[in-house]
Amino acid sequence: MKAIVAGADPEGIGEELEALGVDIQRVGSPVFADALSEAGIEDADLFVLTDLSEGISITLAKEANEDVRAVCYGEGTLPESVGSVVDLIVDPSLLDAETVAEELVAEL
């Protein structure tokens, strides 16, 4: 399984996914299409956005790979324009990174 984690990842979901055997590629903010392509978005199973202000990157990820599961795991507000494109939004104050990572891996 391959995942791209975009943003600063202050909650550590990237590390939790990696501990479960997921191949992690990281993309810093701001997230651009070129960076997603270099990280291998075309072959990724999962795109995890940890900086919700970068919501447009979900659209970029889905344009490059319509089958990628797009997950937002971070605090803040997601732009309304991408609300219908994202597959899952999780508030870190409600579920810890370990639990979310376990569920994501189990579902894929």
PDB file of N, CA and C in Angstrom:
ATOM      1  N   MET A   1       0.846  -1.175   0.000  1.00  0.00           N
ATOM      2  CA  MET A   1       0.000   0.000   0.000  1.00  0.00           C
ATOM      3  C   MET A   1       0.891   1.237   0.000  1.00  0.00           C
ATOM      4  N   LYS A   2       0.476   2.217  -0.779  1.00  0.00           N
ATOM      5  CA  LYS A   2       1.246   3.457  -0.884  1.00  0.00           C
ATOM      6  C   LYS A   2       0.366   4.642  -0.507  1.00  0.00           C
ATOM      7  N   ALA A   3       0.923   5.539   0.295  1.00  0.00           N
ATOM      8  CA  ALA A   3       0.196   6.738   0.714  1.00  0.00           C
ATOM      9  C   ALA A   3       1.072   7.967   0.560  1.00  0.00           C
ATOM     10  N   ILE A   4       0.413   9.068   0.235  1.00  0.00           N
ATOM     11  CA  ILE A   4       1.074  10.368   0.215  1.00  0.00           C
ATOM     12  C   ILE A   4       0.483  11.182   1.346  1.00  0.00           C
ATOM     13  N   VAL A   5       1.355  11.694   2.198  1.00  0.00           N
ATOM     14  CA  VAL A   5       0.937  12.550   3.312  1.00  0.00           C
ATOM     15  C   VAL A   5       1.383  13.962   2.975  1.00  0.00           C
ATOM     16  N   ALA A   6       0.418  14.866   2.894  1.00  0.00           N
ATOM     17  CA  ALA A   6       0.700  16.249   2.517  1.00  0.00           C
ATOM     18  C   ALA A   6       0.470  17.177   3.697  1.00  0.00           C
ATOM     19  N   GLY A   7       1.414  18.085   3.901  1.00  0.00           N
ATOM     20  CA  GLY A   7       1.325  19.033   5.008  1.00  0.00           C
ATOM     21  C   GLY A   7       2.307  18.681   6.107  1.00  0.00           C
ATOM     22  N   ALA A   8       2.275  19.464   7.166  1.00  0.00           N
ATOM     23  CA  ALA A   8       3.242  19.327   8.258  1.00  0.00           C
ATOM     24  C   ALA A   8       3.056  18.057   9.084  1.00  0.00           C
ATOM     25  N   ASP A   9       1.861  17.502   9.123  1.00  0.00           N
ATOM     26  CA  ASP A   9       1.547  16.281   9.866  1.00  0.00           C
ATOM     27  C   ASP A   9       1.890  16.379  11.355  1.00  0.00           C
ATOM     28  N   PRO A  10       1.362  17.381  12.052  1.00  0.00           N
ATOM     29  CA  PRO A  10       1.676  17.529  13.475  1.00  0.00           C
ATOM     30  C   PRO A  10       1.145  16.399  14.350  1.00  0.00           C
ATOM     31  N   GLU A  11       0.138  15.683  13.888  1.00  0.00           N
ATOM     32  CA  GLU A  11      -0.441  14.592  14.677  1.00  0.00           C
ATOM     33  C   GLU A  11       0.283  13.268  14.464  1.00  0.00           C
ATOM     34  N   GLY A  12       1.121  13.190  13.439  1.00  0.00           N
ATOM     35  CA  GLY A  12       1.926  11.995  13.205  1.00  0.00           C
ATOM     36  C   GLY A  12       1.226  10.842  12.503  1.00  0.00           C
ATOM     37  N   ILE A  13       0.225  11.143  11.694  1.00  0.00           N
ATOM     38  CA  ILE A  13      -0.462  10.044  10.994  1.00  0.00           C
ATOM     39  C   ILE A  13       0.456   9.349   9.992  1.00  0.00           C
ATOM     40  N   GLY A  14       1.387  10.085   9.414  1.00  0.00           N
ATOM     41  CA  GLY A  14       2.348   9.469   8.500  1.00  0.00           C
ATOM     42  C   GLY A  14       3.174   8.399   9.189  1.00  0.00           C
ATOM     43  N   GLU A  15       3.647   8.694  10.379  1.00  0.00           N
ATOM     44  CA  GLU A  15       4.435   7.720  11.140  1.00  0.00           C
ATOM     45  C   GLU A  15       3.595   6.507  11.513  1.00  0.00           C
ATOM     46  N   GLU A  16       2.339   6.744  11.863  1.00  0.00           N
ATOM     47  CA  GLU A  16       1.453   5.634  12.235  1.00  0.00           C
ATOM     48  C   GLU A  16       1.174   4.732  11.038  1.00  0.00           C
ATOM     49  N   LEU A  17       0.954   5.314   9.878  1.00  0.00           N
ATOM     50  CA  LEU A  17       0.748   4.516   8.668  1.00  0.00           C
ATOM     51  C   LEU A  17       2.011   3.729   8.324  1.00  0.00           C
ATOM     52  N   GLU A  18       3.151   4.383   8.452  1.00  0.00           N
ATOM     53  CA  GLU A  18       4.431   3.731   8.169  1.00  0.00           C
ATOM     54  C   GLU A  18       4.664   2.546   9.102  1.00  0.00           C
ATOM     55  N   ALA A  19       4.300   2.703  10.367  1.00  0.00           N
ATOM     56  CA  ALA A  19       4.453   1.621  11.346  1.00  0.00           C
ATOM     57  C   ALA A  19       3.594   0.406  10.984  1.00  0.00           C
ATOM     58  N   LEU A  20       2.551   0.638  10.202  1.00  0.00           N
ATOM     59  CA  LEU A  20       1.671  -0.449   9.762  1.00  0.00           C
ATOM     60  C   LEU A  20       2.085  -1.015   8.403  1.00  0.00           C
ATOM     61  N   GLY A  21       3.248  -0.600   7.922  1.00  0.00           N
ATOM     62  CA  GLY A  21       3.789  -1.149   6.686  1.00  0.00           C
ATOM     63  C   GLY A  21       3.428  -0.406   5.415  1.00  0.00           C
ATOM     64  N   VAL A  22       2.835   0.766   5.551  1.00  0.00           N
ATOM     65  CA  VAL A  22       2.459   1.556   4.379  1.00  0.00           C
ATOM     66  C   VAL A  22       3.685   2.316   3.875  1.00  0.00           C
ATOM     67  N   ASP A  23       3.889   2.302   2.571  1.00  0.00           N
ATOM     68  CA  ASP A  23       4.961   3.074   1.937  1.00  0.00           C
ATOM     69  C   ASP A  23       4.515   4.534   1.891  1.00  0.00           C
ATOM     70  N   ILE A  24       5.214   5.401   2.617  1.00  0.00           N
ATOM     71  CA  ILE A  24       4.834   6.809   2.760  1.00  0.00           C
ATOM     72  C   ILE A  24       5.740   7.704   1.920  1.00  0.00           C
ATOM     73  N   GLN A  25       5.113   8.606   1.185  1.00  0.00           N
ATOM     74  CA  GLN A  25       5.812   9.694   0.511  1.00  0.00           C
ATOM     75  C   GLN A  25       5.246  10.981   1.091  1.00  0.00           C
ATOM     76  N   ARG A  26       6.095  11.943   1.337  1.00  0.00           N
ATOM     77  CA  ARG A  26       5.645  13.196   1.952  1.00  0.00           C
ATOM     78  C   ARG A  26       5.755  14.357   0.968  1.00  0.00           C
ATOM     79  N   VAL A  27       4.774  15.251   1.081  1.00  0.00           N
ATOM     80  CA  VAL A  27       4.749  16.471   0.280  1.00  0.00           C
ATOM     81  C   VAL A  27       4.483  17.618   1.241  1.00  0.00           C
ATOM     82  N   GLY A  28       5.350  18.624   1.219  1.00  0.00           N
ATOM     83  CA  GLY A  28       5.182  19.776   2.105  1.00  0.00           C
ATOM     84  C   GLY A  28       4.200  20.787   1.546  1.00  0.00           C
ATOM     85  N   SER A  29       3.864  21.748   2.364  1.00  0.00           N
ATOM     86  CA  SER A  29       2.974  22.844   1.945  1.00  0.00           C
ATOM     87  C   SER A  29       3.825  23.972   1.380  1.00  0.00           C
ATOM     88  N   PRO A  30       3.339  24.664   0.383  1.00  0.00           N
ATOM     89  CA  PRO A  30       2.094  24.443  -0.351  1.00  0.00           C
ATOM     90  C   PRO A  30       2.209  23.226  -1.266  1.00  0.00           C
ATOM     91  N   VAL A  31       1.067  22.598  -1.515  1.00  0.00           N
ATOM     92  CA  VAL A  31       1.013  21.378  -2.317  1.00  0.00           C
ATOM     93  C   VAL A  31       0.703  21.745  -3.768  1.00  0.00           C
ATOM     94  N   PHE A  32       1.611  21.366  -4.659  1.00  0.00           N
ATOM     95  CA  PHE A  32       1.436  21.623  -6.088  1.00  0.00           C
ATOM     96  C   PHE A  32       1.345  20.304  -6.847  1.00  0.00           C
ATOM     97  N   ALA A  33       0.752  20.342  -8.029  1.00  0.00           N
ATOM     98  CA  ALA A  33       0.578  19.141  -8.855  1.00  0.00           C
ATOM     99  C   ALA A  33       1.913  18.467  -9.159  1.00  0.00           C
ATOM    100  N   ASP A  34       2.953  19.253  -9.434  1.00  0.00           N
ATOM    101  CA  ASP A  34       4.268  18.677  -9.735  1.00  0.00           C
ATOM    102  C   ASP A  34       4.806  17.866  -8.563  1.00  0.00           C
ATOM    103  N   ALA A  35       4.644  18.395  -7.354  1.00  0.00           N
ATOM    104  CA  ALA A  35       5.121  17.689  -6.162  1.00  0.00           C
ATOM    105  C   ALA A  35       4.345  16.394  -5.954  1.00  0.00           C
ATOM    106  N   LEU A  36       3.040  16.431  -6.195  1.00  0.00           N
ATOM    107  CA  LEU A  36       2.233  15.214  -6.074  1.00  0.00           C
ATOM    108  C   LEU A  36       2.676  14.172  -7.096  1.00  0.00           C
ATOM    109  N   SER A  37       2.954  14.618  -8.303  1.00  0.00           N
ATOM    110  CA  SER A  37       3.408  13.712  -9.351  1.00  0.00           C
ATOM    111  C   SER A  37       4.755  13.092  -8.989  1.00  0.00           C
ATOM    112  N   GLU A  38       5.675  13.907  -8.498  1.00  0.00           N
ATOM    113  CA  GLU A  38       6.991  13.406  -8.083  1.00  0.00           C
ATOM    114  C   GLU A  38       6.873  12.397  -6.948  1.00  0.00           C
ATOM    115  N   ALA A  39       5.879  12.580  -6.086  1.00  0.00           N
ATOM    116  CA  ALA A  39       5.667  11.663  -4.963  1.00  0.00           C
ATOM    117  C   ALA A  39       4.972  10.374  -5.403  1.00  0.00           C
ATOM    118  N   GLY A  40       4.454  10.360  -6.630  1.00  0.00           N
ATOM    119  CA  GLY A  40       3.825   9.150  -7.148  1.00  0.00           C
ATOM    120  C   GLY A  40       2.330   9.056  -6.939  1.00  0.00           C
ATOM    121  N   ILE A  41       1.635  10.179  -7.010  1.00  0.00           N
ATOM    122  CA  ILE A  41       0.185  10.184  -6.777  1.00  0.00           C
ATOM    123  C   ILE A  41      -0.553   9.246  -7.735  1.00  0.00           C
ATOM    124  N   GLU A  42      -0.027   9.066  -8.934  1.00  0.00           N
ATOM    125  CA  GLU A  42      -0.697   8.225  -9.931  1.00  0.00           C
ATOM    126  C   GLU A  42      -0.870   6.791  -9.453  1.00  0.00           C
ATOM    127  N   ASP A  43       0.036   6.322  -8.586  1.00  0.00           N
ATOM    128  CA  ASP A  43       0.003   4.943  -8.095  1.00  0.00           C
ATOM    129  C   ASP A  43      -0.394   4.837  -6.630  1.00  0.00           C
ATOM    130  N   ALA A  44      -0.729   5.941  -6.009  1.00  0.00           N
ATOM    131  CA  ALA A  44      -1.030   5.930  -4.571  1.00  0.00           C
ATOM    132  C   ALA A  44      -2.420   5.361  -4.296  1.00  0.00           C
ATOM    133  N   ASP A  45      -2.531   4.698  -3.168  1.00  0.00           N
ATOM    134  CA  ASP A  45      -3.820   4.185  -2.706  1.00  0.00           C
ATOM    135  C   ASP A  45      -4.525   5.207  -1.827  1.00  0.00           C
ATOM    136  N   LEU A  46      -3.719   6.058  -1.184  1.00  0.00           N
ATOM    137  CA  LEU A  46      -4.242   6.954  -0.164  1.00  0.00           C
ATOM    138  C   LEU A  46      -3.551   8.308  -0.242  1.00  0.00           C
ATOM    139  N   PHE A  47      -4.337   9.364  -0.136  1.00  0.00           N
ATOM    140  CA  PHE A  47      -3.811  10.724  -0.055  1.00  0.00           C
ATOM    141  C   PHE A  47      -4.330  11.315   1.245  1.00  0.00           C
ATOM    142  N   VAL A  48      -3.421  11.637   2.162  1.00  0.00           N
ATOM    143  CA  VAL A  48      -3.809  12.181   3.464  1.00  0.00           C
ATOM    144  C   VAL A  48      -3.341  13.628   3.550  1.00  0.00           C
ATOM    145  N   LEU A  49      -4.291  14.522   3.672  1.00  0.00           N
ATOM    146  CA  LEU A  49      -3.999  15.945   3.798  1.00  0.00           C
ATOM    147  C   LEU A  49      -4.072  16.330   5.266  1.00  0.00           C
ATOM    148  N   THR A  50      -2.986  16.893   5.791  1.00  0.00           N
ATOM    149  CA  THR A  50      -2.955  17.266   7.209  1.00  0.00           C
ATOM    150  C   THR A  50      -3.077  18.768   7.426  1.00  0.00           C
ATOM    151  N   ASP A  51      -3.073  19.535   6.351  1.00  0.00           N
ATOM    152  CA  ASP A  51      -3.250  20.989   6.420  1.00  0.00           C
ATOM    153  C   ASP A  51      -4.495  21.338   5.610  1.00  0.00           C
ATOM    154  N   LEU A  52      -5.629  21.469   6.280  1.00  0.00           N
ATOM    155  CA  LEU A  52      -6.900  21.641   5.591  1.00  0.00           C
ATOM    156  C   LEU A  52      -6.984  22.911   4.762  1.00  0.00           C
ATOM    157  N   SER A  53      -6.137  23.889   5.045  1.00  0.00           N
ATOM    158  CA  SER A  53      -6.130  25.101   4.216  1.00  0.00           C
ATOM    159  C   SER A  53      -5.605  24.810   2.809  1.00  0.00           C
ATOM    160  N   GLU A  54      -4.981  23.650   2.626  1.00  0.00           N
ATOM    161  CA  GLU A  54      -4.462  23.206   1.326  1.00  0.00           C
ATOM    162  C   GLU A  54      -5.477  22.317   0.609  1.00  0.00           C
ATOM    163  N   GLY A  55      -6.755  22.517   0.888  1.00  0.00           N
ATOM    164  CA  GLY A  55      -7.808  21.655   0.364  1.00  0.00           C
ATOM    165  C   GLY A  55      -7.820  21.472  -1.135  1.00  0.00           C
ATOM    166  N   ILE A  56      -7.376  22.461  -1.883  1.00  0.00           N
ATOM    167  CA  ILE A  56      -7.367  22.342  -3.341  1.00  0.00           C
ATOM    168  C   ILE A  56      -6.481  21.192  -3.798  1.00  0.00           C
ATOM    169  N   SER A  57      -5.538  20.791  -2.955  1.00  0.00           N
ATOM    170  CA  SER A  57      -4.662  19.676  -3.324  1.00  0.00           C
ATOM    171  C   SER A  57      -5.439  18.370  -3.460  1.00  0.00           C
ATOM    172  N   ILE A  58      -6.590  18.271  -2.810  1.00  0.00           N
ATOM    173  CA  ILE A  58      -7.424  17.076  -2.961  1.00  0.00           C
ATOM    174  C   ILE A  58      -7.892  16.965  -4.409  1.00  0.00           C
ATOM    175  N   THR A  59      -8.307  18.078  -4.969  1.00  0.00           N
ATOM    176  CA  THR A  59      -8.729  18.099  -6.368  1.00  0.00           C
ATOM    177  C   THR A  59      -7.570  17.714  -7.282  1.00  0.00           C
ATOM    178  N   LEU A  60      -6.385  18.228  -6.994  1.00  0.00           N
ATOM    179  CA  LEU A  60      -5.204  17.887  -7.794  1.00  0.00           C
ATOM    180  C   LEU A  60      -4.906  16.392  -7.712  1.00  0.00           C
ATOM    181  N   ALA A  61      -4.995  15.837  -6.501  1.00  0.00           N
ATOM    182  CA  ALA A  61      -4.732  14.410  -6.306  1.00  0.00           C
ATOM    183  C   ALA A  61      -5.748  13.561  -7.062  1.00  0.00           C
ATOM    184  N   LYS A  62      -7.016  13.932  -6.983  1.00  0.00           N
ATOM    185  CA  LYS A  62      -8.080  13.169  -7.650  1.00  0.00           C
ATOM    186  C   LYS A  62      -8.006  13.298  -9.173  1.00  0.00           C
ATOM    187  N   GLU A  63      -7.537  14.441  -9.666  1.00  0.00           N
ATOM    188  CA  GLU A  63      -7.361  14.595 -11.113  1.00  0.00           C
ATOM    189  C   GLU A  63      -6.262  13.671 -11.628  1.00  0.00           C
ATOM    190  N   ALA A  64      -5.230  13.482 -10.827  1.00  0.00           N
ATOM    191  CA  ALA A  64      -4.115  12.626 -11.219  1.00  0.00           C
ATOM    192  C   ALA A  64      -4.425  11.144 -11.026  1.00  0.00           C
ATOM    193  N   ASN A  65      -5.292  10.840 -10.054  1.00  0.00           N
ATOM    194  CA  ASN A  65      -5.616   9.449  -9.732  1.00  0.00           C
ATOM    195  C   ASN A  65      -7.025   9.415  -9.151  1.00  0.00           C
ATOM    196  N   GLU A  66      -7.995   9.165 -10.004  1.00  0.00           N
ATOM    197  CA  GLU A  66      -9.391   9.220  -9.552  1.00  0.00           C
ATOM    198  C   GLU A  66      -9.731   8.151  -8.519  1.00  0.00           C
ATOM    199  N   ASP A  67      -8.907   7.100  -8.411  1.00  0.00           N
ATOM    200  CA  ASP A  67      -9.170   6.026  -7.456  1.00  0.00           C
ATOM    201  C   ASP A  67      -8.516   6.234  -6.093  1.00  0.00           C
ATOM    202  N   VAL A  68      -7.678   7.257  -5.953  1.00  0.00           N
ATOM    203  CA  VAL A  68      -7.005   7.485  -4.679  1.00  0.00           C
ATOM    204  C   VAL A  68      -8.041   7.859  -3.618  1.00  0.00           C
ATOM    205  N   ARG A  69      -7.880   7.308  -2.426  1.00  0.00           N
ATOM    206  CA  ARG A  69      -8.775   7.653  -1.318  1.00  0.00           C
ATOM    207  C   ARG A  69      -8.226   8.918  -0.668  1.00  0.00           C
ATOM    208  N   ALA A  70      -9.012   9.979  -0.685  1.00  0.00           N
ATOM    209  CA  ALA A  70      -8.586  11.275  -0.151  1.00  0.00           C
ATOM    210  C   ALA A  70      -9.132  11.463   1.255  1.00  0.00           C
ATOM    211  N   VAL A  71      -8.212  11.632   2.200  1.00  0.00           N
ATOM    212  CA  VAL A  71      -8.563  11.766   3.612  1.00  0.00           C
ATOM    213  C   VAL A  71      -7.975  13.057   4.155  1.00  0.00           C
ATOM    214  N   CYS A  72      -8.789  13.806   4.883  1.00  0.00           N
ATOM    215  CA  CYS A  72      -8.308  14.999   5.584  1.00  0.00           C
ATOM    216  C   CYS A  72      -8.213  14.659   7.058  1.00  0.00           C
ATOM    217  N   TYR A  73      -7.022  14.835   7.617  1.00  0.00           N
ATOM    218  CA  TYR A  73      -6.808  14.583   9.039  1.00  0.00           C
ATOM    219  C   TYR A  73      -6.067  15.779   9.609  1.00  0.00           C
ATOM    220  N   GLY A  74      -6.819  16.721  10.111  1.00  0.00           N
ATOM    221  CA  GLY A  74      -6.219  17.932  10.653  1.00  0.00           C
ATOM    222  C   GLY A  74      -7.280  18.862  11.188  1.00  0.00           C
ATOM    223  N   GLU A  75      -6.821  19.873  11.875  1.00  0.00           N
ATOM    224  CA  GLU A  75      -7.726  20.872  12.436  1.00  0.00           C
ATOM    225  C   GLU A  75      -7.953  21.977  11.423  1.00  0.00           C
ATOM    226  N   GLY A  76      -9.092  22.609  11.530  1.00  0.00           N
ATOM    227  CA  GLY A  76      -9.393  23.719  10.644  1.00  0.00           C
ATOM    228  C   GLY A  76     -10.611  23.432   9.800  1.00  0.00           C
ATOM    229  N   THR A  77     -10.772  24.254   8.794  1.00  0.00           N
ATOM    230  CA  THR A  77     -11.935  24.157   7.924  1.00  0.00           C
ATOM    231  C   THR A  77     -11.492  23.873   6.501  1.00  0.00           C
ATOM    232  N   LEU A  78     -12.131  22.918   5.908  1.00  0.00           N
ATOM    233  CA  LEU A  78     -11.857  22.557   4.525  1.00  0.00           C
ATOM    234  C   LEU A  78     -12.626  23.498   3.605  1.00  0.00           C
ATOM    235  N   PRO A  79     -11.998  23.986   2.544  1.00  0.00           N
ATOM    236  CA  PRO A  79     -12.730  24.843   1.601  1.00  0.00           C
ATOM    237  C   PRO A  79     -13.973  24.128   1.063  1.00  0.00           C
ATOM    238  N   GLU A  80     -15.068  24.843   0.991  1.00  0.00           N
ATOM    239  CA  GLU A  80     -16.337  24.275   0.540  1.00  0.00           C
ATOM    240  C   GLU A  80     -16.237  23.629  -0.836  1.00  0.00           C
ATOM    241  N   SER A  81     -15.400  24.179  -1.679  1.00  0.00           N
ATOM    242  CA  SER A  81     -15.289  23.707  -3.062  1.00  0.00           C
ATOM    243  C   SER A  81     -14.781  22.273  -3.185  1.00  0.00           C
ATOM    244  N   VAL A  82     -14.152  21.736  -2.156  1.00  0.00           N
ATOM    245  CA  VAL A  82     -13.625  20.368  -2.234  1.00  0.00           C
ATOM    246  C   VAL A  82     -14.387  19.392  -1.342  1.00  0.00           C
ATOM    247  N   GLY A  83     -15.396  19.862  -0.675  1.00  0.00           N
ATOM    248  CA  GLY A  83     -16.159  19.010   0.236  1.00  0.00           C
ATOM    249  C   GLY A  83     -16.754  17.777  -0.421  1.00  0.00           C
ATOM    250  N   SER A  84     -17.140  17.888  -1.675  1.00  0.00           N
ATOM    251  CA  SER A  84     -17.746  16.749  -2.365  1.00  0.00           C
ATOM    252  C   SER A  84     -16.707  15.802  -2.963  1.00  0.00           C
ATOM    253  N   VAL A  85     -15.452  16.186  -2.947  1.00  0.00           N
ATOM    254  CA  VAL A  85     -14.388  15.380  -3.550  1.00  0.00           C
ATOM    255  C   VAL A  85     -13.669  14.520  -2.512  1.00  0.00           C
ATOM    256  N   VAL A  86     -13.590  15.001  -1.291  1.00  0.00           N
ATOM    257  CA  VAL A  86     -12.875  14.281  -0.235  1.00  0.00           C
ATOM    258  C   VAL A  86     -13.685  13.057   0.197  1.00  0.00           C
ATOM    259  N   ASP A  87     -12.987  11.974   0.506  1.00  0.00           N
ATOM    260  CA  ASP A  87     -13.658  10.737   0.905  1.00  0.00           C
ATOM    261  C   ASP A  87     -13.925  10.660   2.401  1.00  0.00           C
ATOM    262  N   LEU A  88     -13.047  11.262   3.206  1.00  0.00           N
ATOM    263  CA  LEU A  88     -13.184  11.173   4.657  1.00  0.00           C
ATOM    264  C   LEU A  88     -12.517  12.376   5.310  1.00  0.00           C
ATOM    265  N   ILE A  89     -13.193  12.941   6.301  1.00  0.00           N
ATOM    266  CA  ILE A  89     -12.634  14.045   7.084  1.00  0.00           C
ATOM    267  C   ILE A  89     -12.659  13.623   8.544  1.00  0.00           C
ATOM    268  N   VAL A  90     -11.496  13.683   9.203  1.00  0.00           N
ATOM    269  CA  VAL A  90     -11.402  13.283  10.605  1.00  0.00           C
ATOM    270  C   VAL A  90     -10.735  14.397  11.398  1.00  0.00           C
ATOM    271  N   ASP A  91     -11.359  14.772  12.491  1.00  0.00           N
ATOM    272  CA  ASP A  91     -10.812  15.775  13.404  1.00  0.00           C
ATOM    273  C   ASP A  91      -9.887  15.064  14.394  1.00  0.00           C
ATOM    274  N   PRO A  92      -8.614  15.456  14.475  1.00  0.00           N
ATOM    275  CA  PRO A  92      -7.674  14.805  15.388  1.00  0.00           C
ATOM    276  C   PRO A  92      -8.074  14.890  16.863  1.00  0.00           C
ATOM    277  N   SER A  93      -8.917  15.843  17.207  1.00  0.00           N
ATOM    278  CA  SER A  93      -9.352  15.923  18.605  1.00  0.00           C
ATOM    279  C   SER A  93     -10.378  14.833  18.928  1.00  0.00           C
ATOM    280  N   LEU A  94     -10.910  14.178  17.904  1.00  0.00           N
ATOM    281  CA  LEU A  94     -11.898  13.119  18.118  1.00  0.00           C
ATOM    282  C   LEU A  94     -11.304  11.718  18.015  1.00  0.00           C
ATOM    283  N   LEU A  95     -10.332  11.540  17.126  1.00  0.00           N
ATOM    284  CA  LEU A  95      -9.673  10.241  16.953  1.00  0.00           C
ATOM    285  C   LEU A  95      -8.174  10.448  16.808  1.00  0.00           C
ATOM    286  N   ASP A  96      -7.399   9.639  17.538  1.00  0.00           N
ATOM    287  CA  ASP A  96      -5.944   9.789  17.454  1.00  0.00           C
ATOM    288  C   ASP A  96      -5.411   9.181  16.158  1.00  0.00           C
ATOM    289  N   ALA A  97      -4.192   9.548  15.825  1.00  0.00           N
ATOM    290  CA  ALA A  97      -3.574   9.137  14.560  1.00  0.00           C
ATOM    291  C   ALA A  97      -3.442   7.622  14.453  1.00  0.00           C
ATOM    292  N   GLU A  98      -3.126   6.963  15.538  1.00  0.00           N
ATOM    293  CA  GLU A  98      -2.975   5.508  15.513  1.00  0.00           C
ATOM    294  C   GLU A  98      -4.284   4.826  15.108  1.00  0.00           C
ATOM    295  N   THR A  99      -5.379   5.252  15.710  1.00  0.00           N
ATOM    296  CA  THR A  99      -6.689   4.667  15.403  1.00  0.00           C
ATOM    297  C   THR A  99      -7.081   4.914  13.951  1.00  0.00           C
ATOM    298  N   VAL A 100      -6.890   6.137  13.487  1.00  0.00           N
ATOM    299  CA  VAL A 100      -7.240   6.475  12.102  1.00  0.00           C
ATOM    300  C   VAL A 100      -6.393   5.653  11.133  1.00  0.00           C
ATOM    301  N   ALA A 101      -5.099   5.553  11.390  1.00  0.00           N
ATOM    302  CA  ALA A 101      -4.212   4.778  10.519  1.00  0.00           C
ATOM    303  C   ALA A 101      -4.646   3.315  10.463  1.00  0.00           C
ATOM    304  N   GLU A 102      -4.959   2.737  11.604  1.00  0.00           N
ATOM    305  CA  GLU A 102      -5.395   1.338  11.638  1.00  0.00           C
ATOM    306  C   GLU A 102      -6.657   1.132  10.806  1.00  0.00           C
ATOM    307  N   GLU A 103      -7.599   2.043  10.925  1.00  0.00           N
ATOM    308  CA  GLU A 103      -8.854   1.934  10.169  1.00  0.00           C
ATOM    309  C   GLU A 103      -8.620   2.114   8.669  1.00  0.00           C
ATOM    310  N   LEU A 104      -7.766   3.052   8.303  1.00  0.00           N
ATOM    311  CA  LEU A 104      -7.480   3.274   6.882  1.00  0.00           C
ATOM    312  C   LEU A 104      -6.826   2.050   6.253  1.00  0.00           C
ATOM    313  N   VAL A 105      -5.885   1.454   6.953  1.00  0.00           N
ATOM    314  CA  VAL A 105      -5.204   0.268   6.436  1.00  0.00           C
ATOM    315  C   VAL A 105      -6.177  -0.906   6.350  1.00  0.00           C
ATOM    316  N   ALA A 106      -7.037  -1.051   7.335  1.00  0.00           N
ATOM    317  CA  ALA A 106      -8.007  -2.151   7.336  1.00  0.00           C
ATOM    318  C   ALA A 106      -9.000  -2.032   6.181  1.00  0.00           C
ATOM    319  N   GLU A 107      -9.346  -0.804   5.803  1.00  0.00           N
ATOM    320  CA  GLU A 107     -10.320  -0.584   4.734  1.00  0.00           C
ATOM    321  C   GLU A 107      -9.728  -0.755   3.348  1.00  0.00           C
ATOM    322  N   LEU A 108      -8.423  -0.611   3.222  1.00  0.00           N
ATOM    323  CA  LEU A 108      -7.787  -0.750   1.903  1.00  0.00           C
ATOM    324  C   LEU A 108      -7.214  -2.123   1.818  1.00  0.00           C
TER     325      LEU A 108
END
